[in-house]
Amino acid sequence: MSTTLTTGAVLRRLTLASRPLSWVNTAYPFGAAYVMTTREVDLRLVLGTLFFLIPYNLLMYGVNDVFDYESDRNNPRKGGVEGALLDERWHRVTLLSAVLLPVPFVAYLVAVGSPSSWAVLAVSLFAVVAYSAPRLRFKERPVLDSLTSSTHFVSPAVYGLVLAGASFTRDVWLLLAAFFLWGAASQAFGAVQDIQADREGGISSIATVLGARATVRLSLGAYLAAGALMLLTAWPGPLAAALVLPYVGIVWPYRSVTDDDAASSNRGWRQFLAANYLVGFLVTMLLIWVALR
């Protein structure tokens, strides 16, 4: 095999491992938080967005795919857009790339940041690694798994706000709390489909401990609570409360799902992935409206 083909194969594997479908879920919160605060496009915005777009996701999911390889082999969802199934020969290059690619971006962000932004970035990176890395394995600590996963998506927004020098008003805190509940609800619902595979692999999760029905209902409650928090914000913030309704509609049919039939919720999870793009578009329209007011 030629060097070019080998390089291409590596890049394809790394791209798959970084979950391209989810890149926007971490880059968008940072970019939106930063630009809504500064109202300008600068190098910090560009490089920060690039960092949270690819290197951050490669670190998060690459580490996960390497250390979850044994259990992933028995999970029918793995091997596509919902998660790479990396053969052991790819593990070393994946870990090296996942660790080294973020370095220049982190170095730059530290150089242009402040002690408070360093702290937020450190928490964000720790949560990314701690979720899957050996010994820490927060993903196997029920409830903490959902909280850590939510941190993966909320911390880029918090970082964007801190880096841009935003004021943390009551509305900002309510928005972040709602976003955090949305993230925790989403992780919990996503864990339901893997109950059987996780139990067979000896992996604990919020879903394996609480069971499918209770986890789905907890997810529903968290989505509704997120919407309720947005109702408490200043106008036009309450409009964002309606954005939880697509997720409630997706999760609702599985409110009584049994552990034996938990894998059927994968259909809902695929709908969830598609809904993120629609809701993201609506959030963008809402932000543009706020910016033009």
C-alpha atoms as a PDB file:
ATOM      1  CA  MET A   1       0.000   0.000   0.000  1.00  0.00           C
ATOM      2  CA  SER A   2       1.373   3.419  -0.909  1.00  0.00           C
ATOM      3  CA  THR A   3       2.032   6.190   1.568  1.00  0.00           C
ATOM      4  CA  THR A   4      -0.735   8.284   0.027  1.00  0.00           C
ATOM      5  CA  LEU A   5      -3.285   5.512   0.402  1.00  0.00           C
ATOM      6  CA  THR A   6      -2.119   4.818   3.956  1.00  0.00           C
ATOM      7  CA  THR A   7      -2.487   8.497   4.860  1.00  0.00           C
ATOM      8  CA  GLY A   8      -5.895   8.592   3.257  1.00  0.00           C
ATOM      9  CA  ALA A   9      -6.999   5.490   5.150  1.00  0.00           C
ATOM     10  CA  VAL A  10      -5.836   7.006   8.435  1.00  0.00           C
ATOM     11  CA  LEU A  11      -7.650  10.264   7.751  1.00  0.00           C
ATOM     12  CA  ARG A  12     -10.842   8.419   6.888  1.00  0.00           C
ATOM     13  CA  ARG A  13     -10.649   6.394  10.094  1.00  0.00           C
ATOM     14  CA  LEU A  14      -9.939   9.451  12.224  1.00  0.00           C
ATOM     15  CA  THR A  15     -12.773  11.361  10.602  1.00  0.00           C
ATOM     16  CA  LEU A  16     -15.188   8.506  11.289  1.00  0.00           C
ATOM     17  CA  ALA A  17     -13.937   8.268  14.873  1.00  0.00           C
ATOM     18  CA  SER A  18     -14.565  12.004  15.438  1.00  0.00           C
ATOM     19  CA  ARG A  19     -18.304  11.639  14.601  1.00  0.00           C
ATOM     20  CA  PRO A  20     -18.730  14.301  11.869  1.00  0.00           C
ATOM     21  CA  LEU A  21     -22.475  14.232  12.447  1.00  0.00           C
ATOM     22  CA  SER A  22     -21.859  15.684  15.907  1.00  0.00           C
ATOM     23  CA  TRP A  23     -19.193  18.288  15.112  1.00  0.00           C
ATOM     24  CA  VAL A  24     -21.725  21.106  15.083  1.00  0.00           C
ATOM     25  CA  ASN A  25     -23.014  20.130  18.545  1.00  0.00           C
ATOM     26  CA  THR A  26     -19.831  21.399  20.196  1.00  0.00           C
ATOM     27  CA  ALA A  27     -18.598  24.048  17.739  1.00  0.00           C
ATOM     28  CA  TYR A  28     -21.937  25.847  17.511  1.00  0.00           C
ATOM     29  CA  PRO A  29     -22.391  26.486  21.268  1.00  0.00           C
ATOM     30  CA  PHE A  30     -18.911  28.025  21.467  1.00  0.00           C
ATOM     31  CA  GLY A  31     -19.298  30.105  18.324  1.00  0.00           C
ATOM     32  CA  ALA A  32     -22.788  31.327  19.175  1.00  0.00           C
ATOM     33  CA  ALA A  33     -21.848  32.256  22.753  1.00  0.00           C
ATOM     34  CA  TYR A  34     -18.705  34.085  21.640  1.00  0.00           C
ATOM     35  CA  VAL A  35     -20.148  36.032  18.720  1.00  0.00           C
ATOM     36  CA  MET A  36     -23.340  36.994  20.585  1.00  0.00           C
ATOM     37  CA  THR A  37     -21.120  38.530  23.261  1.00  0.00           C
ATOM     38  CA  THR A  38     -18.490  40.270  21.121  1.00  0.00           C
ATOM     39  CA  ARG A  39     -20.660  40.879  18.020  1.00  0.00           C
ATOM     40  CA  GLU A  40     -17.557  40.435  15.878  1.00  0.00           C
ATOM     41  CA  VAL A  41     -15.575  37.814  14.016  1.00  0.00           C
ATOM     42  CA  ASP A  42     -11.945  37.559  15.049  1.00  0.00           C
ATOM     43  CA  LEU A  43      -9.131  35.014  15.201  1.00  0.00           C
ATOM     44  CA  ARG A  44     -10.202  33.743  18.598  1.00  0.00           C
ATOM     45  CA  LEU A  45     -13.639  32.943  17.221  1.00  0.00           C
ATOM     46  CA  VAL A  46     -12.271  31.228  14.114  1.00  0.00           C
ATOM     47  CA  LEU A  47      -9.650  29.082  15.857  1.00  0.00           C
ATOM     48  CA  GLY A  48     -11.883  28.375  18.826  1.00  0.00           C
ATOM     49  CA  THR A  49     -14.659  27.172  16.543  1.00  0.00           C
ATOM     50  CA  LEU A  50     -12.226  25.012  14.566  1.00  0.00           C
ATOM     51  CA  PHE A  51     -10.975  23.519  17.827  1.00  0.00           C
ATOM     52  CA  PHE A  52     -14.432  22.606  19.053  1.00  0.00           C
ATOM     53  CA  LEU A  53     -15.378  21.400  15.581  1.00  0.00           C
ATOM     54  CA  ILE A  54     -12.749  18.701  14.996  1.00  0.00           C
ATOM     55  CA  PRO A  55      -9.882  18.291  17.530  1.00  0.00           C
ATOM     56  CA  TYR A  56     -12.261  18.409  20.504  1.00  0.00           C
ATOM     57  CA  ASN A  57     -14.521  15.765  18.986  1.00  0.00           C
ATOM     58  CA  LEU A  58     -11.623  13.551  17.948  1.00  0.00           C
ATOM     59  CA  LEU A  59     -10.334  13.663  21.522  1.00  0.00           C
ATOM     60  CA  MET A  60     -13.765  12.907  22.942  1.00  0.00           C
ATOM     61  CA  TYR A  61     -14.846  10.152  20.599  1.00  0.00           C
ATOM     62  CA  GLY A  62     -11.441   8.782  19.620  1.00  0.00           C
ATOM     63  CA  VAL A  63     -10.595   7.989  23.236  1.00  0.00           C
ATOM     64  CA  ASN A  64     -14.057   6.504  23.626  1.00  0.00           C
ATOM     65  CA  ASP A  65     -13.738   4.234  20.583  1.00  0.00           C
ATOM     66  CA  VAL A  66     -10.351   2.911  21.666  1.00  0.00           C
ATOM     67  CA  PHE A  67     -11.257   2.088  25.254  1.00  0.00           C
ATOM     68  CA  ASP A  68     -14.769   0.880  24.413  1.00  0.00           C
ATOM     69  CA  TYR A  69     -13.585  -1.412  21.625  1.00  0.00           C
ATOM     70  CA  GLU A  70     -14.357  -4.688  23.394  1.00  0.00           C
ATOM     71  CA  SER A  71     -17.926  -3.741  24.244  1.00  0.00           C
ATOM     72  CA  ASP A  72     -18.500  -1.977  20.913  1.00  0.00           C
ATOM     73  CA  ARG A  73     -17.790  -5.203  19.031  1.00  0.00           C
ATOM     74  CA  ASN A  74     -21.047  -6.582  20.436  1.00  0.00           C
ATOM     75  CA  ASN A  75     -23.055  -3.434  19.758  1.00  0.00           C
ATOM     76  CA  PRO A  76     -24.909  -3.494  16.406  1.00  0.00           C
ATOM     77  CA  ARG A  77     -25.038   0.335  16.349  1.00  0.00           C
ATOM     78  CA  LYS A  78     -21.294   0.678  16.043  1.00  0.00           C
ATOM     79  CA  GLY A  79     -19.462   0.875  12.758  1.00  0.00           C
ATOM     80  CA  GLY A  80     -21.241   3.867  11.217  1.00  0.00           C
ATOM     81  CA  VAL A  81     -22.343   7.428  11.944  1.00  0.00           C
ATOM     82  CA  GLU A  82     -23.391   6.432  15.479  1.00  0.00           C
ATOM     83  CA  GLY A  83     -19.900   5.322  16.403  1.00  0.00           C
ATOM     84  CA  ALA A  84     -16.784   3.953  14.803  1.00  0.00           C
ATOM     85  CA  LEU A  85     -15.654   0.385  15.381  1.00  0.00           C
ATOM     86  CA  LEU A  86     -11.890   0.782  15.320  1.00  0.00           C
ATOM     87  CA  ASP A  87      -9.850  -2.326  14.760  1.00  0.00           C
ATOM     88  CA  GLU A  88      -6.996  -2.623  17.251  1.00  0.00           C
ATOM     89  CA  ARG A  89      -4.433  -1.713  14.592  1.00  0.00           C
ATOM     90  CA  TRP A  90      -5.931   1.799  14.525  1.00  0.00           C
ATOM     91  CA  HIS A  91      -5.832   2.361  18.276  1.00  0.00           C
ATOM     92  CA  ARG A  92      -2.342   3.788  18.584  1.00  0.00           C
ATOM     93  CA  VAL A  93      -2.676   6.299  15.752  1.00  0.00           C
ATOM     94  CA  THR A  94      -6.128   7.302  16.994  1.00  0.00           C
ATOM     95  CA  LEU A  95      -4.915   8.006  20.527  1.00  0.00           C
ATOM     96  CA  LEU A  96      -1.839   9.888  19.299  1.00  0.00           C
ATOM     97  CA  SER A  97      -3.897  12.003  16.919  1.00  0.00           C
ATOM     98  CA  ALA A  98      -6.606  12.619  19.501  1.00  0.00           C
ATOM     99  CA  VAL A  99      -4.037  13.895  22.001  1.00  0.00           C
ATOM    100  CA  LEU A 100      -1.704  15.801  19.665  1.00  0.00           C
ATOM    101  CA  LEU A 101      -4.164  17.527  17.317  1.00  0.00           C
ATOM    102  CA  PRO A 102      -5.715  19.691  20.058  1.00  0.00           C
ATOM    103  CA  VAL A 103      -2.316  20.854  21.394  1.00  0.00           C
ATOM    104  CA  PRO A 104      -1.672  23.855  19.084  1.00  0.00           C
ATOM    105  CA  PHE A 105      -5.270  25.028  19.462  1.00  0.00           C
ATOM    106  CA  VAL A 106      -5.190  24.737  23.248  1.00  0.00           C
ATOM    107  CA  ALA A 107      -1.828  26.526  23.350  1.00  0.00           C
ATOM    108  CA  TYR A 108      -3.288  29.423  21.361  1.00  0.00           C
ATOM    109  CA  LEU A 109      -6.460  29.601  23.434  1.00  0.00           C
ATOM    110  CA  VAL A 110      -4.449  29.626  26.640  1.00  0.00           C
ATOM    111  CA  ALA A 111      -2.214  32.395  25.265  1.00  0.00           C
ATOM    112  CA  VAL A 112      -5.173  34.647  24.395  1.00  0.00           C
ATOM    113  CA  GLY A 113      -7.308  33.735  27.390  1.00  0.00           C
ATOM    114  CA  SER A 114      -7.494  34.571  31.079  1.00  0.00           C
ATOM    115  CA  PRO A 115      -7.202  32.454  34.233  1.00  0.00           C
ATOM    116  CA  SER A 116     -10.993  32.053  34.303  1.00  0.00           C
ATOM    117  CA  SER A 117     -11.077  30.865  30.678  1.00  0.00           C
ATOM    118  CA  TRP A 118      -8.195  28.478  31.405  1.00  0.00           C
ATOM    119  CA  ALA A 119     -10.227  26.966  34.246  1.00  0.00           C
ATOM    120  CA  VAL A 120     -13.304  26.445  32.071  1.00  0.00           C
ATOM    121  CA  LEU A 121     -11.213  24.938  29.273  1.00  0.00           C
ATOM    122  CA  ALA A 122      -9.478  22.629  31.756  1.00  0.00           C
ATOM    123  CA  VAL A 123     -12.840  21.390  33.089  1.00  0.00           C
ATOM    124  CA  SER A 124     -14.072  20.853  29.535  1.00  0.00           C
ATOM    125  CA  LEU A 125     -11.025  18.831  28.494  1.00  0.00           C
ATOM    126  CA  PHE A 126     -11.034  16.842  31.726  1.00  0.00           C
ATOM    127  CA  ALA A 127     -14.691  15.902  31.205  1.00  0.00           C
ATOM    128  CA  VAL A 128     -13.914  14.780  27.650  1.00  0.00           C
ATOM    129  CA  VAL A 129     -11.093  12.466  28.756  1.00  0.00           C
ATOM    130  CA  ALA A 130     -12.637  11.320  32.043  1.00  0.00           C
ATOM    131  CA  TYR A 131     -15.741  10.037  30.298  1.00  0.00           C
ATOM    132  CA  SER A 132     -13.904   7.137  28.629  1.00  0.00           C
ATOM    133  CA  ALA A 133     -10.333   6.911  29.925  1.00  0.00           C
ATOM    134  CA  PRO A 134      -9.347   3.889  32.058  1.00  0.00           C
ATOM    135  CA  ARG A 135      -9.763   4.189  35.834  1.00  0.00           C
ATOM    136  CA  LEU A 136     -11.843   7.368  35.549  1.00  0.00           C
ATOM    137  CA  ARG A 137     -14.509   5.959  33.201  1.00  0.00           C
ATOM    138  CA  PHE A 138     -17.248   8.438  34.159  1.00  0.00           C
ATOM    139  CA  LYS A 139     -19.407   6.827  31.483  1.00  0.00           C
ATOM    140  CA  GLU A 140     -19.691   3.796  33.758  1.00  0.00           C
ATOM    141  CA  ARG A 141     -20.793   5.807  36.781  1.00  0.00           C
ATOM    142  CA  PRO A 142     -24.595   6.080  36.590  1.00  0.00           C
ATOM    143  CA  VAL A 143     -25.975   9.643  36.648  1.00  0.00           C
ATOM    144  CA  LEU A 144     -22.433  11.001  36.498  1.00  0.00           C
ATOM    145  CA  ASP A 145     -22.377   9.649  32.945  1.00  0.00           C
ATOM    146  CA  SER A 146     -25.269  11.918  31.937  1.00  0.00           C
ATOM    147  CA  LEU A 147     -23.854  14.922  33.787  1.00  0.00           C
ATOM    148  CA  THR A 148     -20.426  14.483  32.225  1.00  0.00           C
ATOM    149  CA  SER A 149     -21.837  14.032  28.742  1.00  0.00           C
ATOM    150  CA  SER A 150     -23.864  17.224  29.119  1.00  0.00           C
ATOM    151  CA  THR A 151     -20.704  19.025  30.208  1.00  0.00           C
ATOM    152  CA  HIS A 152     -19.156  18.060  26.867  1.00  0.00           C
ATOM    153  CA  PHE A 153     -21.677  20.267  25.063  1.00  0.00           C
ATOM    154  CA  VAL A 154     -22.395  23.000  27.594  1.00  0.00           C
ATOM    155  CA  SER A 155     -18.773  23.747  28.521  1.00  0.00           C
ATOM    156  CA  PRO A 156     -17.897  25.043  25.014  1.00  0.00           C
ATOM    157  CA  ALA A 157     -20.696  27.599  25.417  1.00  0.00           C
ATOM    158  CA  VAL A 158     -19.489  28.561  28.903  1.00  0.00           C
ATOM    159  CA  TYR A 159     -15.959  28.826  27.550  1.00  0.00           C
ATOM    160  CA  GLY A 160     -17.109  31.051  24.692  1.00  0.00           C
ATOM    161  CA  LEU A 161     -18.866  33.357  27.141  1.00  0.00           C
ATOM    162  CA  VAL A 162     -15.884  33.571  29.495  1.00  0.00           C
ATOM    163  CA  LEU A 163     -13.351  34.037  26.688  1.00  0.00           C
ATOM    164  CA  ALA A 164     -15.484  36.853  25.271  1.00  0.00           C
ATOM    165  CA  GLY A 165     -15.828  38.536  28.664  1.00  0.00           C
ATOM    166  CA  ALA A 166     -19.596  38.110  28.967  1.00  0.00           C
ATOM    167  CA  SER A 167     -21.566  39.087  32.043  1.00  0.00           C
ATOM    168  CA  PHE A 168     -23.276  36.115  33.671  1.00  0.00           C
ATOM    169  CA  THR A 169     -26.731  37.550  34.180  1.00  0.00           C
ATOM    170  CA  ARG A 170     -29.770  35.705  35.505  1.00  0.00           C
ATOM    171  CA  ASP A 171     -30.913  34.973  31.954  1.00  0.00           C
ATOM    172  CA  VAL A 172     -27.523  33.563  30.997  1.00  0.00           C
ATOM    173  CA  TRP A 173     -27.566  31.213  33.973  1.00  0.00           C
ATOM    174  CA  LEU A 174     -31.105  30.090  33.162  1.00  0.00           C
ATOM    175  CA  LEU A 175     -30.150  29.442  29.546  1.00  0.00           C
ATOM    176  CA  LEU A 176     -27.073  27.437  30.549  1.00  0.00           C
ATOM    177  CA  ALA A 177     -29.075  25.442  33.092  1.00  0.00           C
ATOM    178  CA  ALA A 178     -31.696  24.645  30.455  1.00  0.00           C
ATOM    179  CA  PHE A 179     -28.993  23.621  28.006  1.00  0.00           C
ATOM    180  CA  PHE A 180     -27.419  21.395  30.662  1.00  0.00           C
ATOM    181  CA  LEU A 181     -30.730  19.663  31.354  1.00  0.00           C
ATOM    182  CA  TRP A 182     -31.208  19.144  27.622  1.00  0.00           C
ATOM    183  CA  GLY A 183     -27.750  17.534  27.395  1.00  0.00           C
ATOM    184  CA  ALA A 184     -28.328  15.248  30.369  1.00  0.00           C
ATOM    185  CA  ALA A 185     -31.741  14.217  29.041  1.00  0.00           C
ATOM    186  CA  SER A 186     -30.280  13.446  25.633  1.00  0.00           C
ATOM    187  CA  GLN A 187     -27.474  11.278  27.000  1.00  0.00           C
ATOM    188  CA  ALA A 188     -29.884   9.372  29.226  1.00  0.00           C
ATOM    189  CA  PHE A 189     -32.250   8.657  26.364  1.00  0.00           C
ATOM    190  CA  GLY A 190     -29.344   7.634  24.130  1.00  0.00           C
ATOM    191  CA  ALA A 191     -28.179   5.167  26.775  1.00  0.00           C
ATOM    192  CA  VAL A 192     -31.484   3.283  26.720  1.00  0.00           C
ATOM    193  CA  GLN A 193     -30.871   1.711  23.314  1.00  0.00           C
ATOM    194  CA  ASP A 194     -27.614   0.190  24.575  1.00  0.00           C
ATOM    195  CA  ILE A 195     -28.972  -1.451  27.736  1.00  0.00           C
ATOM    196  CA  GLN A 196     -28.589  -5.019  26.496  1.00  0.00           C
ATOM    197  CA  ALA A 197     -25.190  -4.458  24.834  1.00  0.00           C
ATOM    198  CA  ASP A 198     -23.879  -2.648  27.919  1.00  0.00           C
ATOM    199  CA  ARG A 199     -25.073  -5.325  30.309  1.00  0.00           C
ATOM    200  CA  GLU A 200     -23.522  -8.045  28.174  1.00  0.00           C
ATOM    201  CA  GLY A 201     -20.265  -6.067  28.140  1.00  0.00           C
ATOM    202  CA  GLY A 202     -20.343  -5.465  31.899  1.00  0.00           C
ATOM    203  CA  ILE A 203     -20.796  -1.710  31.477  1.00  0.00           C
ATOM    204  CA  SER A 204     -22.934   0.297  33.880  1.00  0.00           C
ATOM    205  CA  SER A 205     -24.910   3.354  32.810  1.00  0.00           C
ATOM    206  CA  ILE A 206     -27.811   5.424  34.023  1.00  0.00           C
ATOM    207  CA  ALA A 207     -30.046   3.225  31.850  1.00  0.00           C
ATOM    208  CA  THR A 208     -28.694  -0.142  33.016  1.00  0.00           C
ATOM    209  CA  VAL A 209     -29.221   0.901  36.649  1.00  0.00           C
ATOM    210  CA  LEU A 210     -32.584   2.678  36.421  1.00  0.00           C
ATOM    211  CA  GLY A 211     -33.994   0.535  33.625  1.00  0.00           C
ATOM    212  CA  ALA A 212     -35.395   1.608  30.286  1.00  0.00           C
ATOM    213  CA  ARG A 213     -38.799   2.890  31.386  1.00  0.00           C
ATOM    214  CA  ALA A 214     -37.535   4.983  34.304  1.00  0.00           C
ATOM    215  CA  THR A 215     -34.671   6.413  32.259  1.00  0.00           C
ATOM    216  CA  VAL A 216     -36.927   7.495  29.404  1.00  0.00           C
ATOM    217  CA  ARG A 217     -39.323   9.141  31.836  1.00  0.00           C
ATOM    218  CA  LEU A 218     -36.450  10.889  33.584  1.00  0.00           C
ATOM    219  CA  SER A 219     -35.311  12.134  30.185  1.00  0.00           C
ATOM    220  CA  LEU A 220     -38.793  13.442  29.436  1.00  0.00           C
ATOM    221  CA  GLY A 221     -38.869  15.275  32.761  1.00  0.00           C
ATOM    222  CA  ALA A 222     -35.485  16.860  32.111  1.00  0.00           C
ATOM    223  CA  TYR A 223     -36.547  18.087  28.672  1.00  0.00           C
ATOM    224  CA  LEU A 224     -39.711  19.620  30.102  1.00  0.00           C
ATOM    225  CA  ALA A 225     -37.739  21.216  32.948  1.00  0.00           C
ATOM    226  CA  ALA A 226     -35.365  22.738  30.393  1.00  0.00           C
ATOM    227  CA  GLY A 227     -38.329  24.283  28.605  1.00  0.00           C
ATOM    228  CA  ALA A 228     -39.751  25.576  31.876  1.00  0.00           C
ATOM    229  CA  LEU A 229     -36.466  27.333  32.678  1.00  0.00           C
ATOM    230  CA  MET A 230     -36.526  29.112  29.315  1.00  0.00           C
ATOM    231  CA  LEU A 231     -40.011  30.415  30.123  1.00  0.00           C
ATOM    232  CA  LEU A 232     -38.415  32.336  32.998  1.00  0.00           C
ATOM    233  CA  THR A 233     -36.028  34.286  30.758  1.00  0.00           C
ATOM    234  CA  ALA A 234     -36.622  37.715  29.255  1.00  0.00           C
ATOM    235  CA  TRP A 235     -38.307  37.988  25.863  1.00  0.00           C
ATOM    236  CA  PRO A 236     -37.694  36.488  23.319  1.00  0.00           C
ATOM    237  CA  GLY A 237     -36.082  33.749  25.436  1.00  0.00           C
ATOM    238  CA  PRO A 238     -39.422  32.076  26.247  1.00  0.00           C
ATOM    239  CA  LEU A 239     -39.803  31.242  22.565  1.00  0.00           C
ATOM    240  CA  ALA A 240     -36.903  28.803  22.986  1.00  0.00           C
ATOM    241  CA  ALA A 241     -39.056  26.809  25.422  1.00  0.00           C
ATOM    242  CA  ALA A 242     -40.927  25.432  22.411  1.00  0.00           C
ATOM    243  CA  LEU A 243     -37.681  23.963  21.071  1.00  0.00           C
ATOM    244  CA  VAL A 244     -37.862  21.111  23.588  1.00  0.00           C
ATOM    245  CA  LEU A 245     -41.149  19.918  22.066  1.00  0.00           C
ATOM    246  CA  PRO A 246     -39.552  18.004  19.161  1.00  0.00           C
ATOM    247  CA  TYR A 247     -37.473  16.064  21.677  1.00  0.00           C
ATOM    248  CA  VAL A 248     -40.469  15.393  23.898  1.00  0.00           C
ATOM    249  CA  GLY A 249     -42.314  14.137  20.828  1.00  0.00           C
ATOM    250  CA  ILE A 250     -39.431  11.832  19.917  1.00  0.00           C
ATOM    251  CA  VAL A 251     -38.995  10.373  23.406  1.00  0.00           C
ATOM    252  CA  TRP A 252     -42.681  10.124  24.360  1.00  0.00           C
ATOM    253  CA  PRO A 253     -43.442   6.899  22.413  1.00  0.00           C
ATOM    254  CA  TYR A 254     -40.789   5.068  24.461  1.00  0.00           C
ATOM    255  CA  ARG A 255     -42.035   6.139  27.892  1.00  0.00           C
ATOM    256  CA  SER A 256     -43.126   2.562  28.687  1.00  0.00           C
ATOM    257  CA  VAL A 257     -40.419   0.663  26.823  1.00  0.00           C
ATOM    258  CA  THR A 258     -39.120  -2.428  28.604  1.00  0.00           C
ATOM    259  CA  ASP A 259     -35.511  -3.431  29.096  1.00  0.00           C
ATOM    260  CA  ASP A 260     -36.003  -6.355  26.718  1.00  0.00           C
ATOM    261  CA  ASP A 261     -37.226  -4.015  23.979  1.00  0.00           C
ATOM    262  CA  ALA A 262     -34.890  -1.122  24.781  1.00  0.00           C
ATOM    263  CA  ALA A 263     -33.009  -1.472  21.491  1.00  0.00           C
ATOM    264  CA  SER A 264     -36.162  -0.302  19.677  1.00  0.00           C
ATOM    265  CA  SER A 265     -35.464   3.212  20.964  1.00  0.00           C
ATOM    266  CA  ASN A 266     -32.659   3.428  18.392  1.00  0.00           C
ATOM    267  CA  ARG A 267     -35.309   4.647  15.956  1.00  0.00           C
ATOM    268  CA  GLY A 268     -36.020   7.528  18.317  1.00  0.00           C
ATOM    269  CA  TRP A 269     -32.291   8.201  18.687  1.00  0.00           C
ATOM    270  CA  ARG A 270     -31.922   8.513  14.918  1.00  0.00           C
ATOM    271  CA  GLN A 271     -34.820  10.946  14.903  1.00  0.00           C
ATOM    272  CA  PHE A 272     -33.068  12.832  17.695  1.00  0.00           C
ATOM    273  CA  LEU A 273     -29.922  13.218  15.561  1.00  0.00           C
ATOM    274  CA  ALA A 274     -31.997  14.651  12.720  1.00  0.00           C
ATOM    275  CA  ALA A 275     -33.977  16.930  15.058  1.00  0.00           C
ATOM    276  CA  ASN A 276     -30.748  18.551  16.242  1.00  0.00           C
ATOM    277  CA  TYR A 277     -30.286  20.138  12.826  1.00  0.00           C
ATOM    278  CA  LEU A 278     -33.835  21.480  12.677  1.00  0.00           C
ATOM    279  CA  VAL A 279     -33.648  22.829  16.217  1.00  0.00           C
ATOM    280  CA  GLY A 280     -30.186  24.251  15.505  1.00  0.00           C
ATOM    281  CA  PHE A 281     -31.625  26.150  12.546  1.00  0.00           C
ATOM    282  CA  LEU A 282     -34.435  27.543  14.693  1.00  0.00           C
ATOM    283  CA  VAL A 283     -31.969  28.558  17.407  1.00  0.00           C
ATOM    284  CA  THR A 284     -29.929  30.369  14.753  1.00  0.00           C
ATOM    285  CA  MET A 285     -33.009  32.255  13.549  1.00  0.00           C
ATOM    286  CA  LEU A 286     -33.823  33.219  17.130  1.00  0.00           C
ATOM    287  CA  LEU A 287     -30.269  34.441  17.737  1.00  0.00           C
ATOM    288  CA  ILE A 288     -30.326  36.517  14.547  1.00  0.00           C
ATOM    289  CA  TRP A 289     -33.566  38.087  15.686  1.00  0.00           C
ATOM    290  CA  VAL A 290     -32.047  38.909  19.081  1.00  0.00           C
ATOM    291  CA  ALA A 291     -28.944  40.384  17.424  1.00  0.00           C
ATOM    292  CA  LEU A 292     -31.025  42.634  15.153  1.00  0.00           C
ATOM    293  CA  ARG A 293     -33.280  43.959  17.906  1.00  0.00           C
END
